[in-house]
Structures are given as structure tokens and as C-alpha cells.
Protein backbone atom coordinates (compact mmCIF):
# COMPACT_ATOMS: atom_id res chain seq x y z
CA UNK A 1 -10.01 9.31 3.24
CA UNK A 2 -7.19 9.16 0.65
CA UNK A 3 -6.67 11.91 -2.02
CA UNK A 4 -5.63 11.76 -5.40
CA UNK A 5 -1.85 11.65 -6.05
CA UNK A 6 -0.27 14.27 -8.42
CA UNK A 7 2.43 12.67 -10.47
CA UNK A 8 5.18 12.53 -10.58
CA UNK A 9 4.75 11.86 -6.78
CA UNK A 10 7.45 12.26 -4.13
CA UNK A 11 6.42 11.76 -0.40
CA UNK A 12 7.53 14.46 2.18
CA UNK A 13 10.54 13.69 3.87
CA UNK A 14 8.58 13.26 7.13
CA UNK A 15 6.13 10.87 5.30
CA UNK A 16 8.97 8.91 3.48
CA UNK A 17 10.78 8.47 6.90
CA UNK A 18 7.60 7.22 8.63
CA UNK A 19 7.23 4.43 5.87
CA UNK A 20 10.70 3.35 5.78
CA UNK A 21 11.48 3.29 9.33
CA UNK A 22 8.10 1.51 10.69
CA UNK A 23 6.96 -0.81 7.67
CA UNK A 24 8.80 -3.70 8.76
CA UNK A 25 6.87 -3.46 12.33
CA UNK A 26 3.61 -4.54 10.23
CA UNK A 27 2.75 -8.22 11.23
CA UNK A 28 0.02 -10.61 9.87
CA UNK A 29 -3.05 -10.72 11.90
CA UNK A 30 -2.71 -6.65 12.91
CA UNK A 31 -5.79 -4.78 12.24
CA UNK A 32 -6.16 -2.01 9.75
CA UNK A 33 -6.53 0.57 12.77
CA UNK A 34 -3.19 -0.67 14.10
CA UNK A 35 -1.84 -0.40 10.50
CA UNK A 36 -2.84 3.06 10.24
CA UNK A 37 -1.43 3.81 13.81
CA UNK A 38 1.96 2.60 12.75
CA UNK A 39 2.10 4.09 9.21
CA UNK A 40 -0.58 6.78 9.09
CA UNK A 41 -3.38 6.88 6.43
CA UNK A 42 -2.79 5.12 3.18
CA UNK A 43 -2.04 7.06 -0.08
CA UNK A 44 -4.36 4.49 -1.95
CA UNK A 45 -7.15 1.93 -1.01
CA UNK A 46 -8.18 -1.02 -3.28
CA UNK A 47 -10.28 -4.14 -3.49
CA UNK A 48 -8.26 -7.31 -3.21
CA UNK A 49 -9.53 -10.23 -5.68
CA UNK A 50 -8.65 -13.82 -5.80
CA UNK A 51 -5.60 -13.86 -8.05
CA UNK A 52 -5.58 -15.97 -11.37
CA UNK A 53 -9.29 -16.67 -11.35
CA UNK A 54 -11.84 -15.85 -13.86
CA UNK A 55 -14.75 -13.82 -12.35
CA UNK A 56 -12.73 -13.81 -9.06
CA UNK A 57 -14.49 -13.10 -5.47
CA UNK A 58 -13.28 -10.08 -3.39
CA UNK A 59 -11.35 -11.60 -0.55
CA UNK A 60 -10.04 -8.43 0.88
CA UNK A 61 -8.43 -4.87 0.59
CA UNK A 62 -4.95 -3.32 0.10
CA UNK A 63 -3.40 -0.20 1.60
CA UNK A 64 -0.76 1.54 -0.67
CA UNK A 65 1.99 3.48 1.12
CA UNK A 66 3.69 5.57 -1.66
CA UNK A 67 7.10 7.20 -1.43
CA UNK A 68 7.72 7.61 -4.97
CA UNK A 69 5.85 6.81 -8.13
CA UNK A 70 6.51 8.86 -11.52
CA UNK A 71 3.50 8.35 -13.62
CA UNK A 72 0.27 6.79 -12.83
CA UNK A 73 0.02 4.12 -15.55
CA UNK A 74 2.85 2.30 -17.59
CA UNK A 75 5.27 -0.55 -17.09
CA UNK A 76 7.00 -1.20 -13.91
CA UNK A 77 10.11 0.63 -15.30
CA UNK A 78 8.06 3.92 -16.50
CA UNK A 79 6.37 4.22 -12.84
CA UNK A 80 9.61 3.78 -11.01
CA UNK A 81 7.72 3.01 -7.57
CA UNK A 82 8.92 3.12 -4.08
CA UNK A 83 6.10 1.89 -1.89
CA UNK A 84 4.58 -0.46 0.58
CA UNK A 85 1.40 -2.38 -0.05
CA UNK A 86 -0.19 -4.07 3.08
CA UNK A 87 -3.32 -6.46 2.18
CA UNK A 88 -6.12 -7.20 4.52
CA UNK A 89 -8.58 -10.21 4.51
CA UNK A 90 -12.07 -9.27 4.53
CA UNK A 91 -12.37 -8.94 8.28
CA UNK A 92 -9.76 -6.37 8.32
CA UNK A 93 -6.81 -8.27 9.43
CA UNK A 94 -3.26 -8.20 7.62
CA UNK A 95 -2.81 -11.35 5.30
CA UNK A 96 0.67 -9.93 3.73
CA UNK A 97 2.90 -6.95 3.25
CA UNK A 98 5.23 -6.26 0.39
CA UNK A 99 7.51 -3.55 -0.59
CA UNK A 100 9.09 -2.17 -3.96
CA UNK A 101 12.08 -0.06 -4.40
CA UNK A 102 13.05 0.35 -0.64
């Protein structure tokens, strides 16, 4: 279960090291359990929808591993995020991974 982040948020040194040192080990088709085994429980979970479609269908979910976020809402500059986002299809297999600010 994920908990609400308090802003400004900075991961512990151990958590940051786990994310930075291991995110590149994540591969497409891995399961959610395999990702959690490598990176730990995510800081946030959200639904994933079809992009740029009116009335999009849910196509999966995302796990967010946050190292730094200065505020909850705002522009990219205002948030000043450092994170890894792992996207899963509806069956729970990795379909993409991106990082910001690492």
C-alpha cells in the first residue's frame, strides 16, 4: 500500500540509491511483482489510459518511484521532479519505463 507523500519530498538516501542503482534493470514483460522485488513498493500507483483519445479506455497502470518532488501540483519546473515511472498493461506486464531528472 502506498502512502501520501509530504512535500517537498526527498527519498531517504537508501531509497534513492535503490531507485538510481536498479531502475535500468527493469525490462519489458517483467511482472509487477518482479519490479517490486527490484525497486521496492512504489510511492504512487495510478491507472493508465489510452493517450489523446476522447473517453479513453483504461489500458493498464503505472508505478511511480519518486526520489524528489518539490510540490504536488504545478508545472514541470515548479515540481522539480526526479523519478522513475513504470507502466504496465492490464495483465500486469511492463510495457514501458521512463525516468525524469536522473
